[in-house]
Amino acid sequence: MEDMKIYLFAQALDNNSTDDWYEYTQNSIEKIIKENEQSWVNNLIFELTNEGEREIFHNVEC
């Protein structure tokens, strides 16, 4: 069975910060640092959402 991967997106609250992607697996959570990997995840999520529009499923405040 293939490992499930969950991607988490942390959106910056202002224009002075960066948005971050994280990959969560059964064993760890790691920040996706490489720009090409961030682009790949972003494009994958964009393609999987209805009509290519981004959807928010959960809004979590920390």
Protein backbone atom coordinates (compact mmCIF):
# COMPACT_ATOMS: atom_id res chain seq x y z
CA MET A 1 0.00 0.00 0.00
CA GLU A 2 1.31 3.41 -0.94
CA ASP A 3 1.92 5.96 1.82
CA MET A 4 -0.63 8.73 1.95
CA LYS A 5 0.77 12.24 1.81
CA ILE A 6 -1.04 15.23 3.22
CA TYR A 7 0.00 18.73 2.22
CA LEU A 8 -0.55 21.67 4.56
CA PHE A 9 -0.51 25.29 3.44
CA ALA A 10 0.36 28.16 5.78
CA GLN A 11 -0.63 31.49 4.27
CA ALA A 12 1.26 34.61 5.30
CA LEU A 13 -0.80 37.21 7.11
CA ASP A 14 0.91 40.11 5.34
CA ASN A 15 2.92 40.84 2.22
CA ASN A 16 6.21 40.89 4.15
CA SER A 17 6.10 37.17 4.90
CA THR A 18 6.08 34.05 2.75
CA ASP A 19 3.49 31.34 2.26
CA ASP A 20 4.73 27.89 3.25
CA TRP A 21 3.92 24.33 2.21
CA TYR A 22 4.40 21.34 4.52
CA GLU A 23 4.23 17.63 3.81
CA TYR A 24 2.76 15.43 6.53
CA THR A 25 3.23 11.66 6.50
CA GLN A 26 2.67 9.02 9.15
CA ASN A 27 6.11 9.66 10.60
CA SER A 28 6.84 13.36 10.19
CA ILE A 29 5.90 16.85 9.08
CA GLU A 30 8.45 18.67 6.96
CA LYS A 31 8.54 22.10 5.39
CA ILE A 32 8.83 22.00 1.60
CA ILE A 33 11.75 24.30 0.91
CA LYS A 34 12.67 23.78 -2.75
CA GLU A 35 10.79 26.15 -5.03
CA ASN A 36 10.20 23.52 -7.72
CA GLU A 37 8.61 21.18 -5.14
CA GLN A 38 6.42 24.01 -3.83
CA SER A 39 5.30 24.72 -7.40
CA TRP A 40 4.57 21.04 -8.01
CA VAL A 41 2.36 20.80 -4.90
CA ASN A 42 0.62 24.08 -5.70
CA ASN A 43 -0.13 22.94 -9.26
CA LEU A 44 -1.35 19.53 -8.05
CA ILE A 45 -3.79 21.10 -5.58
CA PHE A 46 -4.95 23.57 -8.23
CA GLU A 47 -5.65 20.71 -10.69
CA LEU A 48 -7.48 18.59 -8.12
CA THR A 49 -9.89 21.30 -7.01
CA ASN A 50 -13.14 21.82 -8.84
CA GLU A 51 -12.67 23.79 -12.08
CA GLY A 52 -9.13 24.77 -11.13
CA GLU A 53 -10.34 27.12 -8.41
CA ARG A 54 -8.75 27.05 -5.01
CA GLU A 55 -10.96 25.97 -2.17
CA ILE A 56 -10.56 26.45 1.56
CA PHE A 57 -11.61 23.41 3.54
CA HIS A 58 -10.49 24.43 7.03
CA ASN A 59 -9.41 27.80 8.34
CA VAL A 60 -7.25 27.36 11.42
CA GLU A 61 -6.01 30.27 13.49
CA CYS A 62 -2.87 29.73 15.56
